[in-house]
Amino acid sequence: MVVLNNTKTALVELVNVCKEYRVEGVVTMALKDVNFKVYEKDLVAIMGPSGSGKTTLLNMLGLLDRPTSGKIIFDSQDISKLSDKELANLRNTKLGFVFQTFNLINRLTVFENVELPLIPKGLSRNVRAKMVEEALIKVGGGTEWLKKRPNQLSGGQQQRVAIARAIVGRPAVILADEPTGNLDRMSAKIVITTLLELNKEGHTVIIVTHDPEVANCTQKIYVIRDGTIVGEYRPNPDESLIKKLS
């Protein structure tokens, strides 16, 4: 195992975080005393088998859930001191989410899907339209997609629309939960290349994946097992999806 040291201030930090779920009196420990730091402009992967705690960890990093114990520090703020409304505002302004199942709304057009995070910001229609088009072009999408429904696009195209929705508000951090899980390899390569380009532009990108070829496209790989971070490794670019499909 190679330990990577970093003296910068963490953008997101988990300190002794535990998360337990209680269902009908049965307690399940999803995370156990996790200490984890992500820095500005990081490009990291979180790997682990099914049920290892990957998605729970991502939910903590994305401020979607609060820990049972321990602390989460985001941009120097202890989130335990924030109200639910303040936390929602922080998510809406600082974080963008990409999901395996795209989570697009088929009754809305591509434009309307990408526009959704902007509506609470009180921006004018013209400003929103410009930001939507810019986001879609940035992920390699065509403006001809704007009036289409998501189900009129391929899986890879839908995921790029989902990424456009995640970045349209210009968040500091993009969190992607198995973003290539429902895609063929060539579509997966396009999606991962898009996330890498966004990282080069200054976004911090955190990818949860079970695929070593995807993880090897990043700068750091963290391995989680049974709710605990068990290793931190340097990726092997020669074993990356991008290298193998080049």
Protein backbone atom coordinates (compact mmCIF):
# COMPACT_ATOMS: atom_id res chain seq x y z
CA MET A 1 0.00 0.00 0.00
CA VAL A 2 1.26 3.49 -0.89
CA VAL A 3 0.17 6.29 1.44
CA LEU A 4 -0.22 9.64 -0.29
CA ASN A 5 0.47 12.63 1.96
CA ASN A 6 -1.13 16.01 1.39
CA THR A 7 -0.46 19.13 3.46
CA LYS A 8 -3.24 21.22 1.89
CA THR A 9 -6.47 22.00 3.73
CA ALA A 10 -9.10 19.41 2.89
CA LEU A 11 -12.17 20.54 0.97
CA VAL A 12 -14.21 17.68 2.48
CA GLU A 13 -13.14 15.79 5.58
CA LEU A 14 -14.73 12.93 7.50
CA VAL A 15 -13.47 12.56 11.08
CA ASN A 16 -14.18 9.24 12.88
CA VAL A 17 -17.47 8.93 11.00
CA CYS A 18 -19.79 6.05 11.86
CA LYS A 19 -23.14 5.42 10.24
CA GLU A 20 -25.62 2.85 11.47
CA TYR A 21 -29.05 1.90 10.22
CA ARG A 22 -31.75 0.37 12.40
CA VAL A 23 -34.46 -1.73 10.77
CA GLU A 24 -36.94 -3.54 13.02
CA GLY A 25 -34.44 -3.57 15.87
CA VAL A 26 -31.56 -4.85 13.75
CA VAL A 27 -28.52 -2.53 13.67
CA THR A 28 -26.28 -2.47 10.59
CA MET A 29 -23.01 -0.55 10.71
CA ALA A 30 -22.53 0.90 7.23
CA LEU A 31 -19.45 2.96 8.13
CA LYS A 32 -17.03 2.39 11.00
CA ASP A 33 -14.71 5.16 12.25
CA VAL A 34 -13.96 6.43 8.75
CA ASN A 35 -11.34 9.16 8.38
CA PHE A 36 -11.23 10.51 4.85
CA LYS A 37 -10.04 13.70 3.17
CA VAL A 38 -10.66 15.09 -0.31
CA TYR A 39 -8.74 18.12 -1.51
CA GLU A 40 -9.55 20.84 -4.02
CA LYS A 41 -9.12 19.62 -7.63
CA ASP A 42 -8.71 15.99 -6.53
CA LEU A 43 -9.74 13.22 -8.90
CA VAL A 44 -10.37 10.14 -6.79
CA ALA A 45 -12.05 6.76 -6.99
CA ILE A 46 -13.70 4.81 -4.18
CA MET A 47 -13.75 1.06 -4.79
CA GLY A 48 -15.21 -1.85 -2.89
CA PRO A 49 -17.49 -4.87 -3.24
CA SER A 50 -21.27 -4.65 -3.07
CA GLY A 51 -22.39 -3.77 0.45
CA SER A 52 -18.97 -2.42 1.46
CA GLY A 53 -20.26 1.08 2.26
CA LYS A 54 -19.27 2.86 -0.98
CA THR A 55 -22.58 4.60 -1.55
CA THR A 56 -23.01 5.45 2.13
CA LEU A 57 -19.56 7.06 2.08
CA LEU A 58 -20.48 9.02 -1.05
CA ASN A 59 -23.71 10.16 0.63
CA MET A 60 -21.64 11.48 3.53
CA LEU A 61 -19.22 13.28 1.21
CA GLY A 62 -22.20 14.69 -0.68
CA LEU A 63 -23.91 15.90 2.52
CA LEU A 64 -26.97 13.80 1.70
CA ASP A 65 -26.97 12.18 5.13
CA ARG A 66 -25.64 12.93 8.59
CA PRO A 67 -23.37 10.53 10.48
CA THR A 68 -24.49 8.63 13.56
CA SER A 69 -21.26 9.81 15.18
CA GLY A 70 -18.15 11.66 14.09
CA LYS A 71 -17.85 14.90 12.11
CA ILE A 72 -18.06 16.02 8.50
CA ILE A 73 -16.19 19.20 7.63
CA PHE A 74 -17.06 20.80 4.29
CA ASP A 75 -15.10 23.86 3.16
CA SER A 76 -14.05 24.47 6.81
CA GLN A 77 -17.66 24.21 8.09
CA ASP A 78 -18.79 21.54 10.55
CA ILE A 79 -22.07 20.44 8.96
CA SER A 80 -23.48 19.32 12.33
CA LYS A 81 -23.90 23.03 13.09
CA LEU A 82 -25.98 23.63 9.95
CA SER A 83 -29.76 23.40 9.71
CA ASP A 84 -31.37 21.17 7.07
CA LYS A 85 -32.14 24.29 5.01
CA GLU A 86 -28.54 25.48 5.20
CA LEU A 87 -27.31 22.02 4.28
CA ALA A 88 -29.64 21.88 1.27
CA ASN A 89 -28.37 25.27 0.12
CA LEU A 90 -24.77 24.09 0.47
CA ARG A 91 -25.52 21.02 -1.64
CA ASN A 92 -27.26 23.10 -4.28
CA THR A 93 -24.40 25.58 -4.61
CA LYS A 94 -21.27 23.48 -4.04
CA LEU A 95 -22.12 19.92 -5.14
CA GLY A 96 -23.17 18.17 -8.33
CA PHE A 97 -24.41 14.57 -8.42
CA VAL A 98 -24.21 11.96 -11.20
CA PHE A 99 -26.02 8.62 -10.76
CA GLN A 100 -25.76 5.19 -12.38
CA THR A 101 -29.41 5.28 -13.42
CA PHE A 102 -29.14 8.86 -14.76
CA ASN A 103 -32.20 10.01 -12.69
CA LEU A 104 -33.52 12.06 -15.60
CA ILE A 105 -37.23 12.87 -15.82
CA ASN A 106 -38.65 11.53 -19.07
CA ARG A 107 -41.67 13.82 -19.13
CA LEU A 108 -39.28 16.80 -19.25
CA THR A 109 -37.06 17.80 -22.17
CA VAL A 110 -33.28 17.64 -21.94
CA PHE A 111 -33.27 21.42 -21.50
CA GLU A 112 -35.75 21.21 -18.62
CA ASN A 113 -33.79 18.40 -16.93
CA VAL A 114 -30.51 20.29 -17.04
CA GLU A 115 -32.22 23.52 -15.97
CA LEU A 116 -33.70 22.04 -12.76
CA PRO A 117 -30.81 22.93 -10.37
CA LEU A 118 -30.90 26.54 -11.56
CA ILE A 119 -34.57 27.24 -10.85
CA PRO A 120 -34.17 27.79 -7.06
CA LYS A 121 -31.39 30.32 -7.74
CA GLY A 122 -33.80 32.96 -9.04
CA LEU A 123 -31.94 33.46 -12.32
CA SER A 124 -33.69 34.89 -15.37
CA ARG A 125 -34.87 32.56 -18.13
CA ASN A 126 -32.24 33.93 -20.54
CA VAL A 127 -29.40 33.38 -18.07
CA ARG A 128 -30.61 29.86 -17.33
CA ALA A 129 -30.84 29.06 -21.04
CA LYS A 130 -27.27 30.20 -21.64
CA MET A 131 -25.96 28.18 -18.69
CA VAL A 132 -27.83 25.05 -19.83
CA GLU A 133 -26.41 25.29 -23.36
CA GLU A 134 -22.89 25.90 -22.04
CA ALA A 135 -23.11 22.88 -19.72
CA LEU A 136 -24.42 20.61 -22.45
CA ILE A 137 -21.71 21.68 -24.91
CA LYS A 138 -19.04 21.23 -22.22
CA VAL A 139 -19.94 17.54 -21.86
CA GLY A 140 -19.93 16.99 -25.62
CA GLY A 141 -23.69 17.14 -26.06
CA GLY A 142 -25.39 18.77 -29.01
CA THR A 143 -27.80 21.68 -28.72
CA GLU A 144 -30.11 19.62 -30.96
CA TRP A 145 -30.69 17.46 -27.87
CA LEU A 146 -32.33 20.30 -25.95
CA LYS A 147 -35.90 19.66 -27.10
CA LYS A 148 -35.65 15.86 -26.96
CA ARG A 149 -36.86 13.66 -24.11
CA PRO A 150 -34.20 11.61 -22.29
CA ASN A 151 -35.67 8.33 -23.58
CA GLN A 152 -34.96 9.51 -27.13
CA LEU A 153 -31.22 9.42 -26.38
CA SER A 154 -28.75 6.56 -25.97
CA GLY A 155 -27.50 5.55 -22.51
CA GLY A 156 -24.20 7.34 -23.02
CA GLN A 157 -25.98 10.48 -24.20
CA GLN A 158 -28.31 10.37 -21.21
CA GLN A 159 -25.35 10.13 -18.85
CA ARG A 160 -23.77 13.18 -20.48
CA VAL A 161 -27.06 15.03 -19.97
CA ALA A 162 -26.94 13.94 -16.31
CA ILE A 163 -23.39 15.29 -16.02
CA ALA A 164 -24.52 18.57 -17.63
CA ARG A 165 -27.25 18.81 -14.99
CA ALA A 166 -24.65 18.16 -12.28
CA ILE A 167 -22.30 20.92 -13.48
CA VAL A 168 -24.77 23.55 -14.70
CA GLY A 169 -24.65 25.34 -11.32
CA ARG A 170 -20.83 25.33 -11.47
CA PRO A 171 -20.28 23.26 -8.32
CA ALA A 172 -16.91 22.81 -6.64
CA VAL A 173 -17.38 19.04 -6.28
CA ILE A 174 -18.84 16.43 -8.64
CA LEU A 175 -19.85 13.12 -7.06
CA ALA A 176 -20.46 10.23 -9.44
CA ASP A 177 -22.01 6.99 -8.17
CA GLU A 178 -21.19 4.16 -10.63
CA PRO A 179 -21.49 6.58 -13.59
CA THR A 180 -20.52 3.89 -16.12
CA GLY A 181 -22.44 1.01 -14.56
CA ASN A 182 -25.22 0.97 -17.20
CA LEU A 183 -23.05 1.79 -20.22
CA ASP A 184 -21.14 -0.13 -22.88
CA ARG A 185 -17.36 0.31 -22.81
CA MET A 186 -17.11 2.98 -25.50
CA SER A 187 -19.88 5.07 -23.90
CA ALA A 188 -18.16 4.57 -20.54
CA LYS A 189 -14.91 5.89 -22.00
CA ILE A 190 -16.69 9.04 -23.23
CA VAL A 191 -18.28 9.63 -19.82
CA ILE A 192 -15.00 9.10 -17.92
CA THR A 193 -13.13 11.34 -20.38
CA THR A 194 -15.75 14.02 -19.75
CA LEU A 195 -15.27 13.77 -15.98
CA LEU A 196 -11.48 13.96 -16.40
CA GLU A 197 -11.81 17.10 -18.52
CA LEU A 198 -14.03 18.69 -15.87
CA ASN A 199 -11.38 17.88 -13.28
CA LYS A 200 -8.76 19.63 -15.43
CA GLU A 201 -11.02 22.68 -15.45
CA GLY A 202 -10.88 22.81 -11.65
CA HIS A 203 -13.72 20.61 -10.40
CA THR A 204 -13.03 18.12 -7.62
CA VAL A 205 -14.33 14.75 -8.87
CA ILE A 206 -15.15 11.72 -6.69
CA ILE A 207 -16.14 8.51 -8.49
CA VAL A 208 -17.59 5.44 -6.79
CA THR A 209 -16.97 2.39 -8.97
CA HIS A 210 -16.54 -1.37 -8.85
CA ASP A 211 -14.59 -1.29 -12.13
CA PRO A 212 -10.75 -1.26 -11.79
CA GLU A 213 -10.42 0.09 -15.34
CA VAL A 214 -12.48 3.14 -14.37
CA ALA A 215 -10.64 3.59 -11.05
CA ASN A 216 -7.30 3.49 -12.86
CA CYS A 217 -8.32 6.62 -14.81
CA THR A 218 -8.14 8.70 -11.60
CA GLN A 219 -5.32 10.10 -9.47
CA LYS A 220 -6.00 8.15 -6.26
CA ILE A 221 -7.91 4.99 -5.41
CA TYR A 222 -9.42 4.38 -1.98
CA VAL A 223 -10.64 0.88 -1.14
CA ILE A 224 -13.49 0.37 1.32
CA ARG A 225 -14.48 -2.96 2.83
CA ASP A 226 -17.02 -3.67 5.59
CA GLY A 227 -17.52 0.05 6.15
CA THR A 228 -13.83 0.83 6.67
CA ILE A 229 -11.21 2.39 4.40
CA VAL A 230 -8.60 -0.36 4.09
CA GLY A 231 -6.19 1.12 1.56
CA GLU A 232 -5.13 4.06 -0.60
CA TYR A 233 -3.34 3.32 -3.84
CA ARG A 234 -1.80 4.95 -6.88
CA PRO A 235 -3.69 4.02 -10.06
CA ASN A 236 -2.01 2.20 -12.92
CA PRO A 237 -2.73 4.26 -16.08
CA ASP A 238 -1.76 1.33 -18.31
CA GLU A 239 -4.73 -0.61 -16.87
CA SER A 240 -7.20 2.26 -17.31
CA LEU A 241 -10.30 2.14 -19.50
CA ILE A 242 -9.02 5.07 -21.54
CA LYS A 243 -5.68 3.39 -22.23
CA LYS A 244 -7.23 0.03 -23.11
CA LEU A 245 -9.68 1.61 -25.57
CA SER A 246 -7.17 4.03 -27.13
